[in-house]
N, C-alpha and C. Protein backbone atom coordinates (compact mmCIF):
# COMPACT_ATOMS: atom_id res chain seq x y z
N MET A 1 26.81 -3.40 -25.52
CA MET A 1 27.35 -2.54 -24.67
C MET A 1 26.72 -1.09 -24.43
N GLN A 2 26.19 -0.45 -25.21
CA GLN A 2 25.42 0.81 -25.09
C GLN A 2 24.29 0.35 -24.20
N ALA A 3 23.51 -0.54 -24.49
CA ALA A 3 22.16 -0.87 -23.73
C ALA A 3 22.66 -1.05 -22.12
N LEU A 4 23.93 -1.69 -21.77
CA LEU A 4 24.22 -1.60 -20.54
C LEU A 4 24.49 -0.31 -19.88
N THR A 5 25.17 0.65 -20.65
CA THR A 5 25.36 2.08 -20.06
C THR A 5 24.12 2.67 -19.94
N THR A 6 23.12 2.71 -20.84
CA THR A 6 21.77 3.28 -20.56
C THR A 6 21.03 2.59 -19.43
N ASN A 7 21.13 1.58 -19.07
CA ASN A 7 20.57 0.90 -17.90
C ASN A 7 21.27 1.41 -16.82
N HIS A 8 22.46 1.45 -16.68
CA HIS A 8 23.34 2.05 -15.61
C HIS A 8 22.92 3.38 -15.18
N SER A 9 22.44 4.20 -16.16
CA SER A 9 22.35 5.65 -16.07
C SER A 9 20.96 5.68 -15.32
N ARG A 10 19.97 4.84 -15.77
CA ARG A 10 18.70 4.82 -15.21
C ARG A 10 18.95 4.53 -13.59
N GLN A 11 19.78 3.91 -13.21
CA GLN A 11 19.90 3.58 -11.70
C GLN A 11 20.46 4.64 -11.11
N HIS A 12 20.79 5.74 -11.44
CA HIS A 12 21.40 6.71 -10.67
C HIS A 12 20.64 8.10 -10.88
N LEU A 13 19.10 8.06 -10.92
CA LEU A 13 18.52 9.08 -11.05
C LEU A 13 18.46 9.93 -9.59
N PRO A 14 18.47 11.25 -9.80
CA PRO A 14 18.59 12.27 -8.73
C PRO A 14 17.38 12.30 -8.01
N THR A 15 16.69 11.31 -7.63
CA THR A 15 15.32 11.19 -7.00
C THR A 15 15.89 11.57 -5.32
N SER A 16 15.04 12.25 -4.64
CA SER A 16 15.35 12.63 -3.31
C SER A 16 14.13 12.61 -2.41
N VAL A 17 14.41 11.89 -1.23
CA VAL A 17 13.03 11.94 -0.31
C VAL A 17 12.69 13.33 0.16
N GLU A 18 13.83 14.29 0.04
CA GLU A 18 13.76 15.30 0.67
C GLU A 18 12.39 16.34 -0.09
N SER A 19 12.36 16.01 -1.29
CA SER A 19 11.22 16.62 -2.12
C SER A 19 9.89 16.08 -1.91
N ILE A 20 9.53 15.00 -1.25
CA ILE A 20 8.53 14.38 -1.19
C ILE A 20 7.44 15.08 0.13
N ARG A 21 6.18 15.26 -0.33
CA ARG A 21 5.24 15.98 0.57
C ARG A 21 4.14 15.39 0.70
N ASN A 22 3.62 14.45 -0.41
CA ASN A 22 2.44 13.61 -0.47
C ASN A 22 2.65 12.23 -0.63
N LEU A 23 2.05 11.71 0.47
CA LEU A 23 2.09 9.98 0.27
C LEU A 23 0.78 9.72 -0.16
N HIS A 24 0.58 8.68 -1.17
CA HIS A 24 -0.41 7.74 -1.51
C HIS A 24 -0.35 6.61 -1.20
N THR A 25 -1.48 5.92 -0.80
CA THR A 25 -1.41 4.77 -0.40
C THR A 25 -2.88 4.01 -0.06
N LEU A 26 -3.06 2.73 0.25
CA LEU A 26 -4.20 2.08 0.29
C LEU A 26 -5.25 2.46 1.20
N GLY A 27 -6.59 2.63 1.13
CA GLY A 27 -7.49 3.09 2.05
C GLY A 27 -8.50 1.98 1.90
N PRO A 28 -9.59 2.28 2.46
CA PRO A 28 -10.24 3.20 3.51
C PRO A 28 -9.30 3.23 4.55
N TYR A 29 -9.76 4.15 5.60
CA TYR A 29 -9.12 4.49 7.01
C TYR A 29 -8.92 3.05 7.68
N GLY A 30 -7.79 2.98 8.45
CA GLY A 30 -7.44 1.64 9.14
C GLY A 30 -6.64 0.67 8.54
N THR A 31 -6.06 1.16 7.33
CA THR A 31 -5.03 0.09 6.71
C THR A 31 -3.73 0.04 7.21
N ASN A 32 -2.96 -0.77 7.13
CA ASN A 32 -1.48 -0.90 7.62
C ASN A 32 -0.88 0.01 6.90
N LEU A 33 -1.06 0.26 5.45
CA LEU A 33 -0.37 1.07 4.75
C LEU A 33 -0.59 2.51 5.15
N GLU A 34 -1.76 2.84 5.66
CA GLU A 34 -1.94 4.41 6.02
C GLU A 34 -1.13 4.64 7.28
N ALA A 35 -0.97 3.66 8.23
CA ALA A 35 -0.41 3.61 9.29
C ALA A 35 1.22 3.75 9.01
N ALA A 36 1.49 3.07 7.96
CA ALA A 36 2.97 3.09 7.67
C ALA A 36 3.32 4.53 7.16
N ALA A 37 2.47 5.06 6.17
CA ALA A 37 2.66 6.55 5.70
C ALA A 37 2.79 7.36 6.74
N TYR A 38 1.78 7.40 7.68
CA TYR A 38 2.13 8.50 8.73
C TYR A 38 3.43 8.28 9.58
N GLU A 39 3.82 7.07 9.76
CA GLU A 39 5.02 6.61 10.44
C GLU A 39 6.09 7.03 9.74
N TRP A 40 6.05 7.06 8.33
CA TRP A 40 7.47 7.57 7.54
C TRP A 40 7.50 9.13 7.62
N LEU A 41 6.32 9.66 7.53
CA LEU A 41 6.45 11.17 7.73
C LEU A 41 6.80 11.59 9.20
N HIS A 42 6.43 10.92 10.09
CA HIS A 42 6.90 11.34 11.54
C HIS A 42 8.45 10.82 11.75
N ARG A 43 8.71 9.83 11.02
CA ARG A 43 10.26 9.64 11.16
C ARG A 43 11.24 10.36 10.61
N ARG A 44 10.75 10.96 9.34
CA ARG A 44 11.45 12.04 8.60
C ARG A 44 11.29 13.34 9.07
N GLY A 45 10.36 13.82 9.94
CA GLY A 45 10.16 14.95 10.25
C GLY A 45 9.42 15.94 9.28
N ILE A 46 8.83 15.11 8.39
CA ILE A 46 8.19 15.79 7.24
C ILE A 46 6.80 16.36 7.62
N GLU A 47 6.29 17.54 7.42
CA GLU A 47 4.86 17.93 7.60
C GLU A 47 4.14 17.78 6.23
N GLY A 48 3.67 16.64 6.07
CA GLY A 48 3.18 16.15 4.72
C GLY A 48 1.70 15.80 4.75
N LYS A 49 1.20 15.12 3.58
CA LYS A 49 -0.33 14.72 3.78
C LYS A 49 -0.31 13.39 3.17
N VAL A 50 -1.32 12.63 3.70
CA VAL A 50 -1.45 11.21 3.34
C VAL A 50 -2.66 11.21 2.52
N VAL A 51 -2.84 10.47 1.37
CA VAL A 51 -4.13 10.32 0.38
C VAL A 51 -4.40 9.02 0.53
N LEU A 52 -5.56 8.50 0.66
CA LEU A 52 -5.89 7.16 0.46
C LEU A 52 -6.52 6.93 -0.90
N HIS A 53 -6.36 5.76 -1.49
CA HIS A 53 -6.88 5.36 -2.75
C HIS A 53 -7.33 3.79 -2.54
N SER A 54 -8.33 3.39 -3.54
CA SER A 54 -8.70 2.09 -3.55
C SER A 54 -7.72 0.99 -3.76
N SER A 55 -6.73 1.43 -4.44
CA SER A 55 -5.64 0.47 -4.81
C SER A 55 -4.32 1.33 -5.13
N LEU A 56 -3.08 0.78 -5.18
CA LEU A 56 -1.87 1.49 -5.40
C LEU A 56 -2.08 2.02 -6.90
N GLU A 57 -2.64 0.95 -7.63
CA GLU A 57 -2.58 1.16 -9.28
C GLU A 57 -3.21 2.29 -9.53
N THR A 58 -4.56 2.56 -8.89
CA THR A 58 -5.27 3.80 -9.11
C THR A 58 -4.48 5.12 -8.52
N ALA A 59 -3.95 4.92 -7.57
CA ALA A 59 -3.23 5.85 -6.94
C ALA A 59 -1.99 6.49 -7.98
N LEU A 60 -1.43 5.56 -8.31
CA LEU A 60 -0.33 5.82 -9.44
C LEU A 60 -0.88 6.86 -10.69
N ASP A 61 -2.13 6.28 -10.96
CA ASP A 61 -2.62 6.99 -12.00
C ASP A 61 -3.18 8.42 -11.61
N ALA A 62 -3.47 8.62 -10.53
CA ALA A 62 -3.89 9.87 -9.98
C ALA A 62 -2.90 10.94 -9.65
N VAL A 63 -1.62 10.70 -9.43
CA VAL A 63 -0.80 11.50 -8.93
C VAL A 63 0.23 12.13 -10.08
N PRO A 64 0.62 13.62 -9.73
CA PRO A 64 1.37 14.09 -10.83
C PRO A 64 2.98 13.60 -10.73
N ASP A 65 3.57 14.08 -11.87
CA ASP A 65 4.96 13.46 -11.60
C ASP A 65 6.23 14.40 -11.47
N ASN A 66 5.74 15.22 -10.34
CA ASN A 66 6.76 16.39 -10.17
C ASN A 66 7.85 16.15 -8.90
N GLY A 67 7.76 14.89 -8.73
CA GLY A 67 8.62 14.35 -7.41
C GLY A 67 8.25 14.74 -6.09
N GLU A 68 7.15 15.50 -5.87
CA GLU A 68 6.71 15.62 -4.71
C GLU A 68 5.83 14.55 -4.12
N HIS A 69 5.37 13.72 -4.89
CA HIS A 69 4.36 12.74 -4.38
C HIS A 69 5.06 11.18 -4.37
N ALA A 70 4.61 10.49 -3.79
CA ALA A 70 5.23 9.04 -3.49
C ALA A 70 4.04 8.02 -3.09
N LEU A 71 4.38 6.82 -3.56
CA LEU A 71 3.47 5.71 -3.08
C LEU A 71 4.06 5.05 -1.98
N VAL A 72 3.25 4.59 -0.97
CA VAL A 72 3.69 3.87 -0.04
C VAL A 72 3.21 2.26 -0.14
N ALA A 73 4.19 1.26 -0.43
CA ALA A 73 3.49 -0.07 -0.44
C ALA A 73 4.24 -0.93 0.69
N CYS A 74 4.01 -2.14 0.38
CA CYS A 74 4.62 -3.25 1.35
C CYS A 74 5.00 -4.36 0.46
N ALA A 75 5.84 -5.15 1.22
CA ALA A 75 6.57 -6.16 0.53
C ALA A 75 5.70 -7.27 0.28
N VAL A 76 4.55 -7.47 0.98
CA VAL A 76 3.54 -8.62 0.39
C VAL A 76 2.35 -7.87 -0.45
N TYR A 77 2.41 -6.68 -0.89
CA TYR A 77 1.45 -6.13 -1.87
C TYR A 77 1.34 -7.08 -3.02
N PRO A 78 0.30 -7.53 -3.30
CA PRO A 78 0.04 -8.20 -4.50
C PRO A 78 0.52 -7.56 -5.59
N ALA A 79 1.36 -8.36 -6.53
CA ALA A 79 1.71 -7.64 -7.87
C ALA A 79 2.65 -6.40 -7.70
N LEU A 80 3.19 -6.25 -6.66
CA LEU A 80 4.12 -4.98 -6.62
C LEU A 80 5.27 -5.10 -7.60
N HIS A 81 5.56 -6.23 -7.68
CA HIS A 81 6.77 -6.33 -8.74
C HIS A 81 6.24 -5.91 -10.30
N THR A 82 5.12 -6.18 -10.63
CA THR A 82 4.44 -5.63 -11.79
C THR A 82 4.19 -4.07 -11.83
N LEU A 83 3.72 -3.62 -10.58
CA LEU A 83 3.72 -2.07 -10.54
C LEU A 83 4.87 -1.43 -10.58
N THR A 84 6.02 -1.92 -9.88
CA THR A 84 7.56 -1.39 -10.02
C THR A 84 8.01 -1.55 -11.42
N PHE A 85 8.03 -2.68 -12.00
CA PHE A 85 8.62 -2.99 -13.38
C PHE A 85 8.07 -2.39 -14.34
N GLY A 86 6.61 -2.33 -14.29
CA GLY A 86 5.65 -1.77 -15.15
C GLY A 86 5.77 -0.19 -15.31
N ASN A 87 6.68 0.26 -14.35
CA ASN A 87 6.45 1.90 -14.53
C ASN A 87 7.70 2.41 -14.10
N LEU A 88 8.79 2.02 -14.73
CA LEU A 88 10.06 2.33 -14.39
C LEU A 88 10.54 3.61 -14.72
N HIS A 89 9.54 4.07 -15.66
CA HIS A 89 9.82 5.47 -16.32
C HIS A 89 9.28 6.59 -15.35
N ARG A 90 8.67 6.09 -14.19
CA ARG A 90 8.19 7.31 -13.23
C ARG A 90 7.98 6.92 -11.89
N LEU A 91 8.27 5.61 -11.72
CA LEU A 91 8.04 5.21 -10.12
C LEU A 91 9.36 4.76 -9.79
N HIS A 92 9.93 5.13 -8.68
CA HIS A 92 11.18 4.94 -8.15
C HIS A 92 11.39 4.68 -6.63
N MET A 93 11.83 3.52 -6.35
CA MET A 93 11.86 3.28 -4.96
C MET A 93 13.05 3.99 -4.08
N VAL A 94 12.84 4.84 -3.14
CA VAL A 94 13.78 5.58 -2.57
C VAL A 94 13.91 5.32 -1.08
N ASP A 95 13.08 4.82 -0.52
CA ASP A 95 13.37 4.40 0.85
C ASP A 95 12.57 3.20 1.17
N SER A 96 12.75 2.56 2.49
CA SER A 96 12.05 1.31 3.03
C SER A 96 12.33 1.23 4.46
N PHE A 97 11.56 0.62 5.08
CA PHE A 97 11.52 0.58 6.55
C PHE A 97 10.69 -0.54 7.08
N VAL A 98 11.03 -1.07 8.43
CA VAL A 98 10.52 -2.21 9.11
C VAL A 98 9.40 -1.45 10.18
N MET A 99 8.14 -1.92 10.17
CA MET A 99 7.28 -1.48 11.22
C MET A 99 6.32 -2.47 11.34
N PRO A 100 5.84 -2.95 12.75
CA PRO A 100 4.77 -3.90 12.86
C PRO A 100 3.40 -3.23 12.31
N THR A 101 2.71 -4.29 11.57
CA THR A 101 1.17 -3.99 11.25
C THR A 101 0.40 -3.68 12.48
N HIS A 102 -0.89 -3.20 12.15
CA HIS A 102 -1.88 -3.20 13.35
C HIS A 102 -1.90 -4.74 13.53
N ASN A 103 -2.38 -5.17 14.94
CA ASN A 103 -2.97 -6.47 15.04
C ASN A 103 -3.82 -7.05 13.93
N MET A 104 -3.33 -8.02 13.09
CA MET A 104 -4.57 -8.81 12.25
C MET A 104 -5.51 -9.55 12.99
N VAL A 105 -6.86 -9.27 12.56
CA VAL A 105 -7.80 -10.23 13.44
C VAL A 105 -8.70 -10.97 12.35
N LEU A 106 -9.43 -12.07 12.90
CA LEU A 106 -10.66 -12.52 12.13
C LEU A 106 -11.66 -11.96 13.12
N ALA A 107 -12.66 -11.14 12.31
CA ALA A 107 -13.80 -10.59 13.14
C ALA A 107 -15.16 -11.12 12.11
N SER A 108 -16.25 -10.70 12.87
CA SER A 108 -17.54 -10.97 12.23
C SER A 108 -18.57 -9.97 12.98
N THR A 109 -19.72 -9.97 12.32
CA THR A 109 -20.64 -9.20 12.95
C THR A 109 -21.57 -10.22 14.07
N GLY A 110 -21.15 -11.25 14.27
CA GLY A 110 -22.00 -12.15 15.29
C GLY A 110 -21.71 -13.73 15.14
N ALA A 111 -21.26 -14.00 14.02
CA ALA A 111 -21.11 -15.51 13.79
C ALA A 111 -20.04 -15.91 14.59
N ASP A 112 -19.85 -17.13 15.31
CA ASP A 112 -18.72 -17.82 15.81
C ASP A 112 -17.83 -18.32 14.99
N THR A 113 -18.34 -18.89 13.81
CA THR A 113 -17.52 -19.54 12.67
C THR A 113 -17.96 -19.16 11.46
N PRO A 114 -17.51 -18.15 10.86
CA PRO A 114 -17.99 -17.42 9.45
C PRO A 114 -17.89 -18.36 8.58
N ARG A 115 -18.86 -18.54 7.70
CA ARG A 115 -18.50 -19.50 6.38
C ARG A 115 -18.00 -18.75 5.23
N THR A 116 -18.18 -17.44 5.24
CA THR A 116 -17.81 -16.51 4.22
C THR A 116 -17.00 -15.40 4.95
N VAL A 117 -15.73 -15.19 4.33
CA VAL A 117 -14.52 -14.32 4.86
C VAL A 117 -14.22 -13.36 3.86
N SER A 118 -14.36 -12.03 3.99
CA SER A 118 -13.75 -11.06 2.96
C SER A 118 -12.25 -10.81 3.81
N THR A 119 -11.45 -10.81 2.61
CA THR A 119 -10.09 -10.63 2.99
C THR A 119 -9.22 -10.01 1.81
N HIS A 120 -8.17 -9.22 2.03
CA HIS A 120 -7.26 -8.68 0.89
C HIS A 120 -6.57 -10.08 0.57
N PRO A 121 -5.76 -10.08 -0.58
CA PRO A 121 -5.03 -11.22 -0.92
C PRO A 121 -3.85 -11.43 -0.16
N ALA A 122 -3.30 -10.40 0.37
CA ALA A 122 -2.09 -10.77 1.22
C ALA A 122 -2.50 -11.74 2.36
N PRO A 123 -3.18 -11.42 3.15
CA PRO A 123 -3.57 -12.23 4.40
C PRO A 123 -4.44 -13.36 4.27
N VAL A 124 -4.74 -13.74 2.95
CA VAL A 124 -5.64 -14.90 2.71
C VAL A 124 -5.64 -16.11 3.47
N ALA A 125 -4.32 -16.64 3.63
CA ALA A 125 -3.66 -17.67 4.46
C ALA A 125 -4.15 -17.75 5.88
N LEU A 126 -4.70 -16.79 6.31
CA LEU A 126 -5.41 -16.63 7.75
C LEU A 126 -6.89 -17.13 7.63
N VAL A 127 -7.34 -17.11 6.47
CA VAL A 127 -8.83 -17.79 6.57
C VAL A 127 -8.86 -18.86 6.67
N SER A 128 -9.82 -19.56 7.69
CA SER A 128 -9.92 -21.10 7.93
C SER A 128 -10.32 -21.80 6.44
N GLU A 129 -9.57 -23.01 6.61
CA GLU A 129 -9.96 -23.98 5.24
C GLU A 129 -11.63 -24.34 5.35
N ASP A 130 -12.18 -24.14 6.52
CA ASP A 130 -13.50 -24.37 6.32
C ASP A 130 -14.40 -23.37 5.81
N ALA A 131 -13.71 -22.02 5.70
CA ALA A 131 -14.48 -20.96 5.20
C ALA A 131 -14.07 -20.59 3.84
N GLU A 132 -15.01 -19.79 3.03
CA GLU A 132 -14.66 -19.56 1.75
C GLU A 132 -14.42 -17.88 1.65
N PRO A 133 -13.00 -17.44 1.25
CA PRO A 133 -12.42 -16.28 1.19
C PRO A 133 -13.06 -15.69 0.19
N ARG A 134 -13.29 -14.35 0.17
CA ARG A 134 -13.79 -13.40 -1.04
C ARG A 134 -12.77 -12.24 -0.72
N LEU A 135 -12.16 -12.13 -2.08
CA LEU A 135 -11.24 -11.13 -2.02
C LEU A 135 -11.74 -9.72 -2.32
N VAL A 136 -11.08 -8.84 -1.62
CA VAL A 136 -11.36 -7.33 -1.82
C VAL A 136 -9.86 -6.60 -1.87
N LEU A 137 -10.08 -5.37 -1.97
CA LEU A 137 -8.83 -4.56 -2.30
C LEU A 137 -8.03 -4.18 -1.13
N SER A 138 -8.52 -4.24 0.21
CA SER A 138 -7.95 -3.82 1.42
C SER A 138 -8.38 -4.47 2.46
N ASN A 139 -7.70 -4.35 3.64
CA ASN A 139 -8.10 -5.02 5.09
C ASN A 139 -9.26 -4.16 5.53
N SER A 140 -9.30 -2.83 5.12
CA SER A 140 -10.24 -2.03 5.64
C SER A 140 -11.65 -2.22 4.93
N GLN A 141 -11.37 -2.45 3.45
CA GLN A 141 -12.78 -2.91 2.65
C GLN A 141 -13.21 -4.19 3.17
N ALA A 142 -12.42 -5.20 3.51
CA ALA A 142 -12.95 -6.46 4.16
C ALA A 142 -13.83 -6.14 5.35
N ALA A 143 -13.37 -5.22 6.26
CA ALA A 143 -14.26 -4.80 7.33
C ALA A 143 -15.63 -4.31 6.99
N ILE A 144 -15.54 -3.34 5.94
CA ILE A 144 -16.76 -2.79 5.44
C ILE A 144 -17.71 -3.55 4.91
N ASP A 145 -17.01 -4.47 3.94
CA ASP A 145 -18.20 -5.68 3.57
C ASP A 145 -18.68 -6.67 4.49
N CYS A 146 -17.75 -6.94 5.38
CA CYS A 146 -18.47 -7.81 6.57
C CYS A 146 -19.47 -7.01 7.27
N ALA A 147 -19.30 -5.80 7.66
CA ALA A 147 -20.25 -5.06 8.43
C ALA A 147 -21.65 -4.72 7.50
N ALA A 148 -21.22 -4.78 6.09
CA ALA A 148 -22.73 -4.47 5.43
C ALA A 148 -23.18 -5.66 5.01
N GLY A 149 -22.91 -7.06 5.50
CA GLY A 149 -23.60 -8.13 5.61
C GLY A 149 -23.17 -8.90 4.22
N HIS A 150 -22.13 -8.70 3.47
CA HIS A 150 -21.81 -9.28 2.25
C HIS A 150 -21.14 -10.60 2.45
N THR A 151 -20.68 -10.61 3.80
CA THR A 151 -19.84 -11.79 4.32
C THR A 151 -20.12 -11.87 5.65
N GLU A 152 -19.87 -13.20 6.33
CA GLU A 152 -20.14 -13.21 7.67
C GLU A 152 -18.99 -13.12 8.54
N GLY A 153 -17.74 -12.63 7.82
CA GLY A 153 -16.45 -12.56 8.74
C GLY A 153 -15.68 -11.81 7.73
N CYS A 154 -14.48 -11.30 8.13
CA CYS A 154 -13.38 -11.01 7.58
C CYS A 154 -11.89 -10.99 8.15
N ILE A 155 -11.02 -10.99 7.58
CA ILE A 155 -9.69 -10.89 8.05
C ILE A 155 -9.28 -9.10 7.77
N THR A 156 -8.90 -8.58 9.01
CA THR A 156 -8.66 -7.12 8.81
C THR A 156 -7.92 -6.74 9.84
N THR A 157 -7.78 -5.34 10.10
CA THR A 157 -6.88 -4.81 11.33
C THR A 157 -7.92 -4.65 12.48
N ILE A 158 -7.36 -4.43 13.76
CA ILE A 158 -8.06 -4.47 14.87
C ILE A 158 -8.77 -2.94 14.68
N VAL A 159 -7.95 -1.92 13.96
CA VAL A 159 -8.38 -0.71 13.92
C VAL A 159 -9.74 -0.68 13.04
N ALA A 160 -9.45 -1.42 11.86
CA ALA A 160 -10.80 -1.42 11.21
C ALA A 160 -12.02 -2.08 11.81
N ALA A 161 -11.67 -3.05 12.38
CA ALA A 161 -12.84 -3.86 13.09
C ALA A 161 -13.49 -3.12 14.11
N GLU A 162 -12.74 -2.33 15.07
CA GLU A 162 -13.36 -1.50 15.94
C GLU A 162 -14.08 -0.28 15.28
N GLN A 163 -13.56 0.29 14.20
CA GLN A 163 -14.09 1.45 13.57
C GLN A 163 -15.73 0.88 12.83
N TYR A 164 -15.86 -0.32 12.56
CA TYR A 164 -17.12 -0.60 11.89
C TYR A 164 -17.79 -1.67 12.81
N GLY A 165 -17.44 -1.74 14.15
CA GLY A 165 -18.26 -2.28 15.32
C GLY A 165 -18.18 -3.77 14.94
N LEU A 166 -17.27 -4.48 14.50
CA LEU A 166 -17.23 -5.85 14.50
C LEU A 166 -16.76 -6.55 15.85
N ARG A 167 -16.98 -7.97 15.79
CA ARG A 167 -16.68 -8.60 17.07
C ARG A 167 -15.35 -9.46 16.51
N VAL A 168 -14.41 -9.21 17.44
CA VAL A 168 -13.18 -10.03 16.95
C VAL A 168 -13.27 -11.35 17.68
N LEU A 169 -12.99 -12.43 16.73
CA LEU A 169 -13.04 -13.69 17.07
C LEU A 169 -11.72 -14.29 17.37
N ARG A 170 -10.67 -13.81 16.68
CA ARG A 170 -9.32 -14.17 16.77
C ARG A 170 -8.28 -13.13 16.65
N ASP A 171 -7.46 -12.90 17.44
CA ASP A 171 -6.19 -11.72 17.27
C ASP A 171 -4.98 -12.72 16.95
N PHE A 172 -4.80 -12.26 15.54
CA PHE A 172 -3.19 -13.02 15.14
C PHE A 172 -2.10 -12.07 15.58
N GLY A 173 -2.42 -10.98 16.22
CA GLY A 173 -1.24 -10.05 16.56
C GLY A 173 -0.77 -9.27 15.38
N PRO A 174 0.17 -8.48 15.85
CA PRO A 174 0.94 -7.55 14.72
C PRO A 174 1.95 -8.41 13.93
N VAL A 175 2.25 -7.88 12.45
CA VAL A 175 3.09 -8.79 11.90
C VAL A 175 4.34 -7.73 11.50
N PRO A 176 5.55 -8.18 11.79
CA PRO A 176 6.68 -7.02 11.24
C PRO A 176 6.62 -7.17 9.76
N MET A 177 6.60 -5.76 9.18
CA MET A 177 6.63 -5.82 7.43
C MET A 177 7.26 -4.90 7.20
N VAL A 178 7.94 -5.10 5.92
CA VAL A 178 8.91 -4.19 5.44
C VAL A 178 7.82 -3.32 4.28
N PHE A 179 7.93 -1.94 4.71
CA PHE A 179 7.00 -0.78 3.69
C PHE A 179 7.95 -0.05 3.00
N THR A 180 7.61 0.08 1.68
CA THR A 180 8.51 0.85 0.66
C THR A 180 7.95 2.20 0.28
N ILE A 181 8.85 2.95 0.04
CA ILE A 181 8.32 4.27 -0.75
C ILE A 181 8.79 4.70 -1.99
N HIS A 182 7.90 4.85 -2.77
CA HIS A 182 8.08 4.83 -4.30
C HIS A 182 7.76 6.32 -4.78
N GLN A 183 8.99 6.98 -4.98
CA GLN A 183 8.71 8.42 -5.52
C GLN A 183 8.23 8.50 -7.00
N VAL A 184 7.10 9.41 -7.24
CA VAL A 184 6.67 9.40 -8.50
C VAL A 184 7.28 10.48 -9.38
N CYS A 185 8.16 10.34 -10.22
CA CYS A 185 8.67 11.30 -11.22
C CYS A 185 9.00 10.95 -12.54
N ALA A 186 8.85 11.75 -13.53
CA ALA A 186 8.86 11.17 -14.84
C ALA A 186 10.39 11.03 -15.18
N VAL A 187 10.90 10.25 -16.02
CA VAL A 187 12.39 10.16 -16.59
C VAL A 187 12.33 10.49 -17.98
N ASN A 188 13.39 11.07 -18.09
CA ASN A 188 13.85 11.23 -19.37
C ASN A 188 15.04 10.37 -19.70
N ALA A 189 14.73 9.31 -20.41
CA ALA A 189 15.50 7.98 -20.59
C ALA A 189 17.07 8.55 -21.40
N SER A 190 16.75 9.29 -22.40
CA SER A 190 18.05 9.85 -23.12
C SER A 190 18.81 10.66 -22.30
N ALA A 191 18.56 11.32 -21.23
CA ALA A 191 19.41 12.09 -20.51
C ALA A 191 19.97 11.34 -19.09
N GLY A 192 18.93 10.38 -18.83
CA GLY A 192 19.07 9.71 -17.56
C GLY A 192 18.79 10.49 -16.47
N ARG A 193 17.83 11.25 -16.34
CA ARG A 193 17.42 12.20 -15.51
C ARG A 193 16.06 12.17 -15.21
N ALA A 194 15.48 12.64 -14.00
CA ALA A 194 14.17 12.76 -13.43
C ALA A 194 13.72 14.23 -13.96
N GLU A 195 12.29 14.28 -14.57
CA GLU A 195 12.03 15.55 -14.89
C GLU A 195 10.41 15.55 -14.53
N SER A 196 9.92 16.59 -14.50
CA SER A 196 8.38 16.91 -14.39
C SER A 196 7.77 16.69 -15.54
N VAL A 197 6.46 16.34 -15.70
CA VAL A 197 5.79 16.37 -16.79
C VAL A 197 5.62 17.52 -17.64
N ALA A 198 5.69 18.62 -17.03
CA ALA A 198 5.44 19.76 -17.64
C ALA A 198 6.86 20.08 -18.50
N ALA A 199 7.85 19.73 -17.86
CA ALA A 199 9.52 19.98 -18.57
C ALA A 199 9.30 18.98 -19.69
N LEU A 200 8.49 17.94 -19.41
CA LEU A 200 8.74 16.87 -20.72
C LEU A 200 7.86 17.39 -21.98
N ARG A 201 6.92 18.23 -21.97
CA ARG A 201 6.10 18.61 -22.88
C ARG A 201 6.59 19.90 -23.71
């Protein structure tokens, strides 16, 4: 019974979106998560900063636990459940919203039917059965790898395709997506409250 009481206290942490000023999410430039981060700040009327990382996992490792920072994720981000439940002591979902992604496209440096296609794991189903998918950490990285000649094509956003001078072969359009905001703050489990790392030391 005591365990149930402790778990209940964890669910009522005084986390607050009002203290968030820095959003950390997946880069490089041109990802859907970057667009979602700026959209969330706009909707909230917050003068904040968006910082791009190679993955959400590395982002979480880099940010302080003072409540002023949050990760922006999405419902289809691979292993989001692992990221969430593996960091209950410092990662807290405080908001979510629906927004269409950038248009998702198949692009290439010239090939009409690319045989190798760079793609983030989430949209890998958009790769033709005739092509070999090669997994990368983001839609933008897929475009970078394609432009560098590592693959003949990529599944990416229209923004990244244009940024890296790729030829769009097929436009899948925007995808309505759920984006989630995860505030980063340390938890004092015995008191059932959020604290900064400094306060815990």
